[in-house]
N, C-alpha and C. Protein backbone atom coordinates (compact mmCIF):
# COMPACT_ATOMS: atom_id res chain seq x y z
N MET A 1 -26.06 73.34 -147.40
CA MET A 1 -26.93 74.40 -147.86
C MET A 1 -27.36 74.10 -149.29
N MET A 2 -28.61 73.89 -149.46
CA MET A 2 -29.17 73.65 -150.79
C MET A 2 -28.35 72.63 -151.58
N GLY A 3 -27.87 71.59 -150.89
CA GLY A 3 -27.12 70.52 -151.54
C GLY A 3 -25.65 70.82 -151.77
N ARG A 4 -25.19 71.96 -151.33
CA ARG A 4 -23.78 72.32 -151.52
C ARG A 4 -22.96 71.86 -150.31
N PRO A 5 -21.67 71.57 -150.52
CA PRO A 5 -20.80 71.24 -149.39
C PRO A 5 -20.71 72.45 -148.46
N MET A 6 -20.75 72.20 -147.15
CA MET A 6 -20.70 73.31 -146.20
C MET A 6 -19.97 72.89 -144.94
N LEU A 7 -19.60 73.88 -144.16
CA LEU A 7 -18.96 73.68 -142.86
C LEU A 7 -19.88 74.25 -141.79
N SER A 8 -19.98 73.52 -140.67
CA SER A 8 -20.80 74.01 -139.56
C SER A 8 -20.14 73.63 -138.25
N VAL A 9 -20.54 74.31 -137.20
CA VAL A 9 -20.10 74.02 -135.85
C VAL A 9 -21.32 74.14 -134.95
N ASN A 10 -21.54 73.14 -134.12
CA ASN A 10 -22.71 73.11 -133.23
C ASN A 10 -24.00 73.36 -133.99
N GLY A 11 -24.09 72.83 -135.21
CA GLY A 11 -25.30 72.99 -136.01
C GLY A 11 -25.44 74.33 -136.69
N LEU A 12 -24.43 75.18 -136.61
CA LEU A 12 -24.48 76.52 -137.22
C LEU A 12 -23.55 76.56 -138.43
N MET A 13 -24.12 76.80 -139.59
CA MET A 13 -23.33 76.85 -140.82
C MET A 13 -22.53 78.15 -140.88
N PHE A 14 -21.26 78.04 -141.26
CA PHE A 14 -20.44 79.25 -141.37
C PHE A 14 -19.71 79.36 -142.71
N ALA A 15 -19.71 78.31 -143.53
CA ALA A 15 -19.06 78.35 -144.84
C ALA A 15 -19.77 77.41 -145.79
N CYS A 16 -19.79 77.78 -147.06
CA CYS A 16 -20.49 76.99 -148.08
C CYS A 16 -19.75 77.14 -149.41
N LEU A 17 -19.43 75.99 -150.02
CA LEU A 17 -18.78 76.00 -151.33
C LEU A 17 -19.84 76.08 -152.41
N ASP A 18 -19.72 77.05 -153.29
CA ASP A 18 -20.68 77.26 -154.37
C ASP A 18 -19.91 77.46 -155.66
N GLY A 19 -19.66 76.36 -156.37
CA GLY A 19 -18.88 76.45 -157.60
C GLY A 19 -17.46 76.88 -157.29
N ASP A 20 -17.06 78.03 -157.83
CA ASP A 20 -15.69 78.49 -157.64
C ASP A 20 -15.56 79.59 -156.58
N VAL A 21 -16.53 79.67 -155.68
CA VAL A 21 -16.44 80.62 -154.56
C VAL A 21 -16.75 79.91 -153.25
N LEU A 22 -16.18 80.43 -152.18
CA LEU A 22 -16.50 79.97 -150.84
C LEU A 22 -17.28 81.07 -150.16
N GLY A 23 -18.52 80.77 -149.80
CA GLY A 23 -19.34 81.71 -149.05
C GLY A 23 -19.00 81.60 -147.58
N LEU A 24 -18.80 82.74 -146.93
CA LEU A 24 -18.37 82.78 -145.54
C LEU A 24 -19.25 83.74 -144.75
N ARG A 25 -19.78 83.26 -143.64
CA ARG A 25 -20.63 84.09 -142.79
C ARG A 25 -19.74 84.86 -141.81
N LEU A 26 -19.47 86.10 -142.12
CA LEU A 26 -18.53 86.91 -141.36
C LEU A 26 -19.20 88.03 -140.57
N GLY A 27 -20.46 88.30 -140.85
CA GLY A 27 -21.18 89.35 -140.13
C GLY A 27 -21.04 90.70 -140.79
N ALA A 28 -22.13 91.16 -141.37
CA ALA A 28 -22.14 92.46 -142.04
C ALA A 28 -21.63 93.54 -141.09
N GLY A 29 -20.72 94.35 -141.59
CA GLY A 29 -20.18 95.45 -140.81
C GLY A 29 -18.97 95.09 -139.96
N SER A 30 -18.65 93.81 -139.84
CA SER A 30 -17.47 93.42 -139.05
C SER A 30 -16.19 93.73 -139.82
N ASP A 31 -15.08 93.81 -139.09
CA ASP A 31 -13.79 94.05 -139.73
C ASP A 31 -13.47 92.96 -140.75
N GLU A 32 -13.72 91.69 -140.37
CA GLU A 32 -13.41 90.57 -141.27
C GLU A 32 -14.30 90.60 -142.52
N PHE A 33 -15.53 91.04 -142.37
CA PHE A 33 -16.44 91.18 -143.51
C PHE A 33 -15.83 92.18 -144.51
N GLY A 34 -15.38 93.31 -144.01
CA GLY A 34 -14.75 94.32 -144.86
C GLY A 34 -13.47 93.83 -145.50
N ARG A 35 -12.66 93.12 -144.73
CA ARG A 35 -11.42 92.56 -145.27
C ARG A 35 -11.70 91.57 -146.38
N ALA A 36 -12.71 90.71 -146.15
CA ALA A 36 -13.05 89.71 -147.17
C ALA A 36 -13.54 90.39 -148.45
N LEU A 37 -14.35 91.43 -148.31
CA LEU A 37 -14.84 92.13 -149.50
C LEU A 37 -13.71 92.83 -150.26
N SER A 38 -12.59 93.09 -149.58
CA SER A 38 -11.47 93.75 -150.27
C SER A 38 -10.62 92.76 -151.06
N VAL A 39 -10.87 91.47 -150.91
CA VAL A 39 -10.14 90.46 -151.68
C VAL A 39 -10.56 90.60 -153.15
N PRO A 40 -9.62 90.60 -154.10
CA PRO A 40 -9.98 90.73 -155.51
C PRO A 40 -11.02 89.68 -155.93
N GLY A 41 -12.10 90.15 -156.53
CA GLY A 41 -13.16 89.26 -157.01
C GLY A 41 -14.21 88.89 -155.98
N ALA A 42 -14.02 89.31 -154.73
CA ALA A 42 -15.00 88.98 -153.69
C ALA A 42 -16.26 89.83 -153.85
N ASP A 43 -17.36 89.29 -153.35
CA ASP A 43 -18.64 89.99 -153.44
C ASP A 43 -19.55 89.45 -152.34
N ILE A 44 -20.73 90.02 -152.23
CA ILE A 44 -21.73 89.48 -151.31
C ILE A 44 -22.14 88.11 -151.83
N PHE A 45 -22.24 87.14 -150.94
CA PHE A 45 -22.57 85.76 -151.31
C PHE A 45 -24.05 85.65 -151.64
N ALA A 46 -24.34 85.20 -152.86
CA ALA A 46 -25.72 85.00 -153.34
C ALA A 46 -25.78 83.65 -154.05
N PRO A 47 -25.99 82.55 -153.30
CA PRO A 47 -25.95 81.22 -153.91
C PRO A 47 -27.11 80.93 -154.86
N SER A 48 -28.22 81.60 -154.69
CA SER A 48 -29.37 81.39 -155.58
C SER A 48 -29.37 82.48 -156.63
N ARG A 49 -29.09 82.11 -157.85
CA ARG A 49 -29.01 83.09 -158.94
C ARG A 49 -30.31 83.87 -159.05
N GLY A 50 -30.18 85.16 -159.23
CA GLY A 50 -31.36 86.00 -159.39
C GLY A 50 -31.97 86.47 -158.07
N ARG A 51 -31.40 86.05 -156.95
CA ARG A 51 -31.91 86.50 -155.65
C ARG A 51 -30.87 87.39 -155.00
N SER A 52 -31.32 88.18 -154.04
CA SER A 52 -30.36 89.05 -153.36
C SER A 52 -29.40 88.24 -152.51
N GLY A 53 -28.27 88.85 -152.19
CA GLY A 53 -27.25 88.17 -151.41
C GLY A 53 -27.63 88.00 -149.95
N PHE A 54 -26.87 87.15 -149.28
CA PHE A 54 -27.06 86.90 -147.86
C PHE A 54 -26.38 88.04 -147.10
N ARG A 55 -27.09 88.65 -146.20
CA ARG A 55 -26.65 89.86 -145.49
C ARG A 55 -25.29 89.71 -144.80
N ASP A 56 -25.05 88.63 -144.13
CA ASP A 56 -23.83 88.46 -143.34
C ASP A 56 -22.72 87.70 -144.07
N TRP A 57 -22.92 87.39 -145.33
CA TRP A 57 -22.03 86.48 -146.06
C TRP A 57 -21.23 87.18 -147.16
N VAL A 58 -19.99 86.72 -147.34
CA VAL A 58 -19.11 87.19 -148.42
C VAL A 58 -18.68 85.98 -149.24
N ALA A 59 -18.62 86.14 -150.56
CA ALA A 59 -18.13 85.10 -151.47
C ALA A 59 -16.70 85.43 -151.85
N VAL A 60 -15.78 84.53 -151.48
CA VAL A 60 -14.36 84.71 -151.82
C VAL A 60 -14.03 83.71 -152.92
N PRO A 61 -13.54 84.19 -154.08
CA PRO A 61 -13.31 83.31 -155.23
C PRO A 61 -12.13 82.36 -155.05
N VAL A 62 -12.15 81.30 -155.84
CA VAL A 62 -11.10 80.28 -155.79
C VAL A 62 -9.72 80.89 -156.12
N ASP A 63 -9.69 81.94 -156.90
CA ASP A 63 -8.41 82.60 -157.20
C ASP A 63 -7.72 83.11 -155.93
N SER A 64 -8.50 83.29 -154.87
CA SER A 64 -7.97 83.74 -153.58
C SER A 64 -8.11 82.64 -152.52
N ALA A 65 -8.02 81.39 -152.95
CA ALA A 65 -8.19 80.25 -152.04
C ALA A 65 -7.17 80.28 -150.89
N GLY A 66 -6.06 80.94 -151.09
CA GLY A 66 -5.09 81.08 -150.01
C GLY A 66 -5.63 81.84 -148.82
N GLU A 67 -6.69 82.60 -149.03
CA GLU A 67 -7.34 83.37 -147.97
C GLU A 67 -8.45 82.59 -147.28
N TRP A 68 -8.90 81.48 -147.87
CA TRP A 68 -10.07 80.75 -147.37
C TRP A 68 -9.93 80.31 -145.92
N GLU A 69 -8.78 79.75 -145.56
CA GLU A 69 -8.62 79.24 -144.20
C GLU A 69 -8.77 80.36 -143.18
N HIS A 70 -8.12 81.47 -143.41
CA HIS A 70 -8.21 82.61 -142.49
C HIS A 70 -9.66 83.03 -142.30
N PHE A 71 -10.36 83.22 -143.40
CA PHE A 71 -11.75 83.68 -143.31
C PHE A 71 -12.69 82.60 -142.78
N ALA A 72 -12.40 81.34 -143.04
CA ALA A 72 -13.22 80.26 -142.50
C ALA A 72 -13.12 80.23 -140.97
N VAL A 73 -11.93 80.41 -140.45
CA VAL A 73 -11.76 80.46 -138.99
C VAL A 73 -12.52 81.67 -138.42
N ALA A 74 -12.40 82.81 -139.09
CA ALA A 74 -13.11 84.01 -138.64
C ALA A 74 -14.62 83.79 -138.68
N ALA A 75 -15.11 83.12 -139.71
CA ALA A 75 -16.54 82.85 -139.84
C ALA A 75 -17.00 81.90 -138.72
N MET A 76 -16.21 80.88 -138.43
CA MET A 76 -16.56 79.97 -137.35
C MET A 76 -16.63 80.73 -136.02
N GLU A 77 -15.66 81.57 -135.77
CA GLU A 77 -15.66 82.36 -134.54
C GLU A 77 -16.87 83.29 -134.48
N PHE A 78 -17.25 83.86 -135.62
CA PHE A 78 -18.42 84.74 -135.67
C PHE A 78 -19.69 84.00 -135.26
N VAL A 79 -19.93 82.82 -135.83
CA VAL A 79 -21.17 82.12 -135.48
C VAL A 79 -21.14 81.61 -134.04
N LEU A 80 -19.98 81.26 -133.54
CA LEU A 80 -19.90 80.82 -132.13
C LEU A 80 -20.17 81.97 -131.16
N ARG A 81 -19.74 83.17 -131.50
CA ARG A 81 -20.02 84.35 -130.65
C ARG A 81 -21.51 84.69 -130.65
N ARG A 82 -22.17 84.45 -131.76
CA ARG A 82 -23.59 84.80 -131.89
C ARG A 82 -24.51 83.85 -131.15
N LYS A 83 -24.03 82.66 -130.86
CA LYS A 83 -24.87 81.63 -130.24
C LYS A 83 -25.35 82.01 -128.87
């Protein structure tokens, strides 16, 4: 995504590293989306400064990197269900 390291499955991107945050496509309104937003320092993922955030994406900071694997798996499952 825009030159950033990312993870995808079957051509569908579900995670993107942007500096010190991992953007995760969890689906707005999903339980995992809400859980990710409750992580300290998490916010809506907005990789382009000055633009609005991505609707289905949450940015989880490196300070909570212990949570990244859990949410990355959830994000992968989300995009596979949507296909």
